[in-house]
Amino acid sequence: MARLVKFTEKGPYKLQIGEETYYLCQCGLSKKFPFCDGSHKRTRDEEEGKLYLYDENSRVEIRL
């Protein structure tokens, strides 16, 4: 899966609805999408302005 969208904040989006709290995936890697499953931790060391392709076990930088 390629990550094409960059958000200003890293990590999940916290959504509060009444007493319930939900965390929405912003990285596109979650297996529980649209909910966060912690997959964003794999993206912590990404460099700004670069595109990466992820599979189950690895990441490859895509050169544009």
PDB file of N, CA and C in Angstrom:
ATOM      1  N   MET A   1       0.845  -1.168   0.000  1.00  0.00           N
ATOM      2  CA  MET A   1       0.000   0.000   0.000  1.00  0.00           C
ATOM      3  C   MET A   1       0.891   1.231   0.000  1.00  0.00           C
ATOM      4  N   ALA A   2       0.646   2.165  -0.881  1.00  0.00           N
ATOM      5  CA  ALA A   2       1.397   3.417  -0.920  1.00  0.00           C
ATOM      6  C   ALA A   2       0.675   4.468  -0.102  1.00  0.00           C
ATOM      7  N   ARG A   3       1.443   5.278   0.586  1.00  0.00           N
ATOM      8  CA  ARG A   3       0.877   6.379   1.359  1.00  0.00           C
ATOM      9  C   ARG A   3       0.978   7.631   0.519  1.00  0.00           C
ATOM     10  N   LEU A   4      -0.142   8.114   0.033  1.00  0.00           N
ATOM     11  CA  LEU A   4      -0.144   9.267  -0.847  1.00  0.00           C
ATOM     12  C   LEU A   4      -0.526  10.558  -0.145  1.00  0.00           C
ATOM     13  N   VAL A   5      -1.145  10.449   0.998  1.00  0.00           N
ATOM     14  CA  VAL A   5      -1.649  11.628   1.698  1.00  0.00           C
ATOM     15  C   VAL A   5      -0.776  11.906   2.906  1.00  0.00           C
ATOM     16  N   LYS A   6      -0.358  13.149   3.065  1.00  0.00           N
ATOM     17  CA  LYS A   6       0.414  13.558   4.231  1.00  0.00           C
ATOM     18  C   LYS A   6      -0.445  14.450   5.107  1.00  0.00           C
ATOM     19  N   PHE A   7      -0.484  14.181   6.385  1.00  0.00           N
ATOM     20  CA  PHE A   7      -1.229  14.980   7.334  1.00  0.00           C
ATOM     21  C   PHE A   7      -0.253  15.807   8.153  1.00  0.00           C
ATOM     22  N   THR A   8      -0.740  16.871   8.753  1.00  0.00           N
ATOM     23  CA  THR A   8       0.132  17.746   9.525  1.00  0.00           C
ATOM     24  C   THR A   8       0.555  17.096  10.837  1.00  0.00           C
ATOM     25  N   GLU A   9      -0.254  16.208  11.369  1.00  0.00           N
ATOM     26  CA  GLU A   9       0.086  15.508  12.603  1.00  0.00           C
ATOM     27  C   GLU A   9       0.321  14.037  12.305  1.00  0.00           C
ATOM     28  N   LYS A  10       1.314  13.469  12.975  1.00  0.00           N
ATOM     29  CA  LYS A  10       1.543  12.033  12.822  1.00  0.00           C
ATOM     30  C   LYS A  10       0.723  11.295  13.860  1.00  0.00           C
ATOM     31  N   GLY A  11       0.338  10.101  13.528  1.00  0.00           N
ATOM     32  CA  GLY A  11      -0.448   9.303  14.460  1.00  0.00           C
ATOM     33  C   GLY A  11      -1.929   9.417  14.163  1.00  0.00           C
ATOM     34  N   PRO A  12      -2.731   8.731  14.942  1.00  0.00           N
ATOM     35  CA  PRO A  12      -4.172   8.688  14.700  1.00  0.00           C
ATOM     36  C   PRO A  12      -4.869   9.995  15.073  1.00  0.00           C
ATOM     37  N   TYR A  13      -6.037  10.190  14.500  1.00  0.00           N
ATOM     38  CA  TYR A  13      -6.881  11.340  14.812  1.00  0.00           C
ATOM     39  C   TYR A  13      -7.821  10.931  15.938  1.00  0.00           C
ATOM     40  N   LYS A  14      -7.812  11.672  17.034  1.00  0.00           N
ATOM     41  CA  LYS A  14      -8.666  11.371  18.177  1.00  0.00           C
ATOM     42  C   LYS A  14     -10.035  11.997  17.942  1.00  0.00           C
ATOM     43  N   LEU A  15     -11.062  11.169  17.981  1.00  0.00           N
ATOM     44  CA  LEU A  15     -12.433  11.610  17.759  1.00  0.00           C
ATOM     45  C   LEU A  15     -13.241  11.316  19.013  1.00  0.00           C
ATOM     46  N   GLN A  16     -13.760  12.358  19.634  1.00  0.00           N
ATOM     47  CA  GLN A  16     -14.568  12.215  20.839  1.00  0.00           C
ATOM     48  C   GLN A  16     -16.026  12.427  20.464  1.00  0.00           C
ATOM     49  N   ILE A  17     -16.864  11.426  20.721  1.00  0.00           N
ATOM     50  CA  ILE A  17     -18.307  11.520  20.484  1.00  0.00           C
ATOM     51  C   ILE A  17     -18.990  11.183  21.798  1.00  0.00           C
ATOM     52  N   GLY A  18     -19.467  12.214  22.457  1.00  0.00           N
ATOM     53  CA  GLY A  18     -20.052  12.014  23.780  1.00  0.00           C
ATOM     54  C   GLY A  18     -19.026  11.441  24.724  1.00  0.00           C
ATOM     55  N   GLU A  19     -19.326  10.315  25.338  1.00  0.00           N
ATOM     56  CA  GLU A  19     -18.410   9.659  26.264  1.00  0.00           C
ATOM     57  C   GLU A  19     -17.447   8.704  25.558  1.00  0.00           C
ATOM     58  N   GLU A  20     -17.676   8.459  24.281  1.00  0.00           N
ATOM     59  CA  GLU A  20     -16.860   7.504  23.518  1.00  0.00           C
ATOM     60  C   GLU A  20     -15.671   8.201  22.852  1.00  0.00           C
ATOM     61  N   THR A  21     -14.518   7.541  22.842  1.00  0.00           N
ATOM     62  CA  THR A  21     -13.324   8.031  22.166  1.00  0.00           C
ATOM     63  C   THR A  21     -12.924   7.019  21.103  1.00  0.00           C
ATOM     64  N   TYR A  22     -12.685   7.513  19.899  1.00  0.00           N
ATOM     65  CA  TYR A  22     -12.246   6.678  18.781  1.00  0.00           C
ATOM     66  C   TYR A  22     -10.955   7.253  18.236  1.00  0.00           C
ATOM     67  N   TYR A  23     -10.100   6.398  17.722  1.00  0.00           N
ATOM     68  CA  TYR A  23      -8.871   6.837  17.085  1.00  0.00           C
ATOM     69  C   TYR A  23      -8.931   6.394  15.627  1.00  0.00           C
ATOM     70  N   LEU A  24      -8.893   7.376  14.722  1.00  0.00           N
ATOM     71  CA  LEU A  24      -9.018   7.108  13.296  1.00  0.00           C
ATOM     72  C   LEU A  24      -7.645   7.084  12.638  1.00  0.00           C
ATOM     73  N   CYS A  25      -7.446   6.114  11.770  1.00  0.00           N
ATOM     74  CA  CYS A  25      -6.185   5.936  11.052  1.00  0.00           C
ATOM     75  C   CYS A  25      -5.954   7.105  10.094  1.00  0.00           C
ATOM     76  N   GLN A  26      -4.744   7.674  10.151  1.00  0.00           N
ATOM     77  CA  GLN A  26      -4.340   8.703   9.198  1.00  0.00           C
ATOM     78  C   GLN A  26      -3.193   8.226   8.310  1.00  0.00           C
ATOM     79  N   CYS A  27      -2.653   7.050   8.594  1.00  0.00           N
ATOM     80  CA  CYS A  27      -1.505   6.583   7.820  1.00  0.00           C
ATOM     81  C   CYS A  27      -1.923   5.692   6.656  1.00  0.00           C
ATOM     82  N   GLY A  28      -3.123   5.114   6.719  1.00  0.00           N
ATOM     83  CA  GLY A  28      -3.587   4.234   5.650  1.00  0.00           C
ATOM     84  C   GLY A  28      -3.102   2.804   5.755  1.00  0.00           C
ATOM     85  N   LEU A  29      -2.393   2.457   6.814  1.00  0.00           N
ATOM     86  CA  LEU A  29      -1.829   1.118   6.945  1.00  0.00           C
ATOM     87  C   LEU A  29      -2.618   0.199   7.876  1.00  0.00           C
ATOM     88  N   SER A  30      -3.596   0.723   8.581  1.00  0.00           N
ATOM     89  CA  SER A  30      -4.336  -0.052   9.572  1.00  0.00           C
ATOM     90  C   SER A  30      -5.120  -1.203   8.945  1.00  0.00           C
ATOM     91  N   LYS A  31      -5.060  -2.348   9.583  1.00  0.00           N
ATOM     92  CA  LYS A  31      -5.870  -3.492   9.148  1.00  0.00           C
ATOM     93  C   LYS A  31      -7.300  -3.367   9.667  1.00  0.00           C
ATOM     94  N   LYS A  32      -7.540  -2.386  10.544  1.00  0.00           N
ATOM     95  CA  LYS A  32      -8.877  -2.135  11.088  1.00  0.00           C
ATOM     96  C   LYS A  32      -9.445  -0.829  10.531  1.00  0.00           C
ATOM     97  N   PHE A  33      -8.918  -0.361   9.402  1.00  0.00           N
ATOM     98  CA  PHE A  33      -9.310   0.916   8.817  1.00  0.00           C
ATOM     99  C   PHE A  33     -10.825   1.033   8.750  1.00  0.00           C
ATOM    100  N   PRO A  34     -11.414   2.128   9.159  1.00  0.00           N
ATOM    101  CA  PRO A  34     -10.817   3.442   9.383  1.00  0.00           C
ATOM    102  C   PRO A  34     -10.287   3.656  10.795  1.00  0.00           C
ATOM    103  N   PHE A  35     -10.286   2.623  11.624  1.00  0.00           N
ATOM    104  CA  PHE A  35      -9.814   2.775  12.993  1.00  0.00           C
ATOM    105  C   PHE A  35      -8.333   2.426  13.097  1.00  0.00           C
ATOM    106  N   CYS A  36      -7.651   3.076  14.006  1.00  0.00           N
ATOM    107  CA  CYS A  36      -6.216   2.879  14.207  1.00  0.00           C
ATOM    108  C   CYS A  36      -5.945   1.533  14.880  1.00  0.00           C
ATOM    109  N   ASP A  37      -4.900   0.845  14.412  1.00  0.00           N
ATOM    110  CA  ASP A  37      -4.441  -0.381  15.077  1.00  0.00           C
ATOM    111  C   ASP A  37      -2.969  -0.288  15.484  1.00  0.00           C
ATOM    112  N   GLY A  38      -2.399   0.928  15.424  1.00  0.00           N
ATOM    113  CA  GLY A  38      -1.001   1.130  15.810  1.00  0.00           C
ATOM    114  C   GLY A  38      -0.014   1.000  14.673  1.00  0.00           C
ATOM    115  N   SER A  39      -0.484   0.723  13.470  1.00  0.00           N
ATOM    116  CA  SER A  39       0.414   0.546  12.326  1.00  0.00           C
ATOM    117  C   SER A  39       1.225   1.795  12.004  1.00  0.00           C
ATOM    118  N   HIS A  40       0.740   2.967  12.409  1.00  0.00           N
ATOM    119  CA  HIS A  40       1.448   4.214  12.133  1.00  0.00           C
ATOM    120  C   HIS A  40       2.841   4.243  12.759  1.00  0.00           C
ATOM    121  N   LYS A  41       3.089   3.412  13.727  1.00  0.00           N
ATOM    122  CA  LYS A  41       4.411   3.377  14.363  1.00  0.00           C
ATOM    123  C   LYS A  41       5.490   3.020  13.352  1.00  0.00           C
ATOM    124  N   ARG A  42       5.124   2.313  12.290  1.00  0.00           N
ATOM    125  CA  ARG A  42       6.080   1.957  11.241  1.00  0.00           C
ATOM    126  C   ARG A  42       6.516   3.177  10.434  1.00  0.00           C
ATOM    127  N   THR A  43       5.786   4.270  10.528  1.00  0.00           N
ATOM    128  CA  THR A  43       6.057   5.448   9.702  1.00  0.00           C
ATOM    129  C   THR A  43       6.844   6.533  10.427  1.00  0.00           C
ATOM    130  N   ARG A  44       7.203   6.307  11.667  1.00  0.00           N
ATOM    131  CA  ARG A  44       7.837   7.345  12.499  1.00  0.00           C
ATOM    132  C   ARG A  44       9.094   7.947  11.884  1.00  0.00           C
ATOM    133  N   ASP A  45       9.897   7.159  11.197  1.00  0.00           N
ATOM    134  CA  ASP A  45      11.153   7.682  10.672  1.00  0.00           C
ATOM    135  C   ASP A  45      11.084   8.043   9.181  1.00  0.00           C
ATOM    136  N   GLU A  46       9.883   8.191   8.651  1.00  0.00           N
ATOM    137  CA  GLU A  46       9.743   8.636   7.262  1.00  0.00           C
ATOM    138  C   GLU A  46      10.291  10.054   7.119  1.00  0.00           C
ATOM    139  N   GLU A  47      10.893  10.322   5.976  1.00  0.00           N
ATOM    140  CA  GLU A  47      11.394  11.661   5.697  1.00  0.00           C
ATOM    141  C   GLU A  47      10.303  12.457   4.993  1.00  0.00           C
ATOM    142  N   GLU A  48      10.179  13.727   5.345  1.00  0.00           N
ATOM    143  CA  GLU A  48       9.184  14.618   4.760  1.00  0.00           C
ATOM    144  C   GLU A  48       9.404  14.734   3.252  1.00  0.00           C
ATOM    145  N   GLY A  49       8.313  14.698   2.487  1.00  0.00           N
ATOM    146  CA  GLY A  49       8.388  14.876   1.042  1.00  0.00           C
ATOM    147  C   GLY A  49       8.736  13.628   0.259  1.00  0.00           C
ATOM    148  N   LYS A  50       8.832  12.479   0.922  1.00  0.00           N
ATOM    149  CA  LYS A  50       9.133  11.227   0.228  1.00  0.00           C
ATOM    150  C   LYS A  50       7.910  10.326   0.280  1.00  0.00           C
ATOM    151  N   LEU A  51       7.820   9.427  -0.700  1.00  0.00           N
ATOM    152  CA  LEU A  51       6.721   8.475  -0.787  1.00  0.00           C
ATOM    153  C   LEU A  51       7.263   7.081  -0.517  1.00  0.00           C
ATOM    154  N   TYR A  52       6.554   6.310   0.294  1.00  0.00           N
ATOM    155  CA  TYR A  52       6.978   4.974   0.672  1.00  0.00           C
ATOM    156  C   TYR A  52       5.898   3.955   0.311  1.00  0.00           C
ATOM    157  N   LEU A  53       6.335   2.765  -0.032  1.00  0.00           N
ATOM    158  CA  LEU A  53       5.458   1.646  -0.330  1.00  0.00           C
ATOM    159  C   LEU A  53       5.677   0.610   0.765  1.00  0.00           C
ATOM    160  N   TYR A  54       4.587   0.176   1.400  1.00  0.00           N
ATOM    161  CA  TYR A  54       4.656  -0.786   2.497  1.00  0.00           C
ATOM    162  C   TYR A  54       4.033  -2.108   2.093  1.00  0.00           C
ATOM    163  N   ASP A  55       4.613  -3.212   2.599  1.00  0.00           N
ATOM    164  CA  ASP A  55       3.951  -4.505   2.538  1.00  0.00           C
ATOM    165  C   ASP A  55       3.935  -5.037   3.965  1.00  0.00           C
ATOM    166  N   GLU A  56       3.655  -6.282   4.146  1.00  0.00           N
ATOM    167  CA  GLU A  56       3.528  -6.843   5.498  1.00  0.00           C
ATOM    168  C   GLU A  56       4.797  -6.700   6.339  1.00  0.00           C
ATOM    169  N   ASN A  57       5.981  -6.800   5.689  1.00  0.00           N
ATOM    170  CA  ASN A  57       7.221  -6.859   6.456  1.00  0.00           C
ATOM    171  C   ASN A  57       8.236  -5.770   6.156  1.00  0.00           C
ATOM    172  N   SER A  58       8.019  -4.977   5.136  1.00  0.00           N
ATOM    173  CA  SER A  58       9.058  -4.030   4.760  1.00  0.00           C
ATOM    174  C   SER A  58       8.491  -2.733   4.189  1.00  0.00           C
ATOM    175  N   ARG A  59       9.417  -1.810   3.930  1.00  0.00           N
ATOM    176  CA  ARG A  59       9.071  -0.515   3.358  1.00  0.00           C
ATOM    177  C   ARG A  59      10.120  -0.184   2.293  1.00  0.00           C
ATOM    178  N   VAL A  60       9.656   0.381   1.179  1.00  0.00           N
ATOM    179  CA  VAL A  60      10.532   0.786   0.092  1.00  0.00           C
ATOM    180  C   VAL A  60      10.242   2.233  -0.234  1.00  0.00           C
ATOM    181  N   GLU A  61      11.308   3.030  -0.413  1.00  0.00           N
ATOM    182  CA  GLU A  61      11.115   4.429  -0.827  1.00  0.00           C
ATOM    183  C   GLU A  61      10.890   4.446  -2.335  1.00  0.00           C
ATOM    184  N   ILE A  62       9.864   5.181  -2.756  1.00  0.00           N
ATOM    185  CA  ILE A  62       9.544   5.315  -4.179  1.00  0.00           C
ATOM    186  C   ILE A  62      10.199   6.590  -4.683  1.00  0.00           C
ATOM    187  N   ARG A  63      11.000   6.475  -5.691  1.00  0.00           N
ATOM    188  CA  ARG A  63      11.673   7.633  -6.280  1.00  0.00           C
ATOM    189  C   ARG A  63      10.812   8.193  -7.388  1.00  0.00           C
ATOM    190  N   LEU A  64      10.492   9.463  -7.274  1.00  0.00           N
ATOM    191  CA  LEU A  64       9.647  10.124  -8.281  1.00  0.00           C
ATOM    192  C   LEU A  64      10.472  10.925  -9.239  1.00  0.00           C
TER     193      LEU A  64
END
